[in-house]
Amino acid sequence: MTALSPMSARPRRIAALRALTVWAVLILATMAVPALARSERVEIGDRWYRIDLPAKTRGAPVILALHGGGGDPEQFARSSGLGDAGTAQGYAVVFPAGTGRRGDRLLTWNGGYCCGSAARRGVQDEAFLKAVIADVAARYGVDDGRVFLTGMSNGSIMSETFAARNPGLVRAVAGVSGTMDTRSNRLRGPVAALVIHGTADSMVPYQGGQGDRSLTRADFSSVASVVKAFLAPQSSVLAKTTRRIDARDDGTAVEVTDWTAGGRVVVRLMTVEGGEHYWPGSRKARLSSGKTQEIDATAEVLTFFALWR
């Protein structure tokens, strides 16, 4: 065997060191970057839902996010940003699909007195949402004991209605620009609730009644009646505090009223003074007057849910 000279061995040592350096960099990069959340569409019977999964799925808390009337899961995921924001905080975020006559678009929920064909046909959306919760838990191993609901407009109505009827399944609910039918629904147990609503909402009026621009002739419940409904089952003596957010020159302000028990907020009302029928912070809420820049609904929803996580 011919011995290698120092000159011939040196390039090999350098090459080996370079290879080790590259492998070390790749390993460190893999350790530093968490696994990316993935999005999947799941068929359940003749209906479906979209789910955005966090890096760690097993045992993750769950958010059901319900689109507005005439919307769909993909549209709501894009406009709200709930999928990205929620999975970053470890939630599995589920966007169930309502029903409609145009395939996967222009979908509605049967919230009792609203909305669209879902209400007219008496679609069993409460049963569907229960099936979604069970399916997500069985399929992905998420924690069905930590379920949160939120929604926009018709989705808000459905979320609040489901929470009122199923307090044992829901940790907390957050409704934006939509009021459940408080004349037909009484809470069957305590549920923490966040309500975000604009005083200039012409589709679901803050004071209740028929909206001037509403696509349905529903006689909507007032925001005050929804807050009262969620306060009613609370057994503790509640402390009430109020604060005001008015940092932007956008023609709106937000009055925040908290009812707390044991140092934890059980009901929070965020009244957007001058606010119209939008999800604050969404793409549509950045265009003109009545679309507040004072708060971001997605951030507020996640902040509230964190109190009950």
Foldseek 3Di string as FASTA:
>chain_A
DDDDDPVVVVVVVVVVVVVVVVVVVVVVVVVVDADAWDWDWDDDPPFIKIKTAASDQAAFAEEEEEEAAQAAQVVCCQFQVLSVVVSVVRYIYMYTAADDDPPRGRHADQLQLDDDPCVVVVPPVLVVVVVVLVCSCVPGNYDQQRYEYEYAARSLSNQLQSCQVCVRRHQAYEYEQYAHDLVPTARPAAHFYEYEYECAAQQQHQCFQHGPPHPDRGGGHHPVSSQVRNVVRDPDQWDKDWDKFDDDPQQWIWIWIFTDDPPATRYIYIYIYLAYRDQAPTPVLPDHHNRDPRDHNSVVVVVNSVSRD
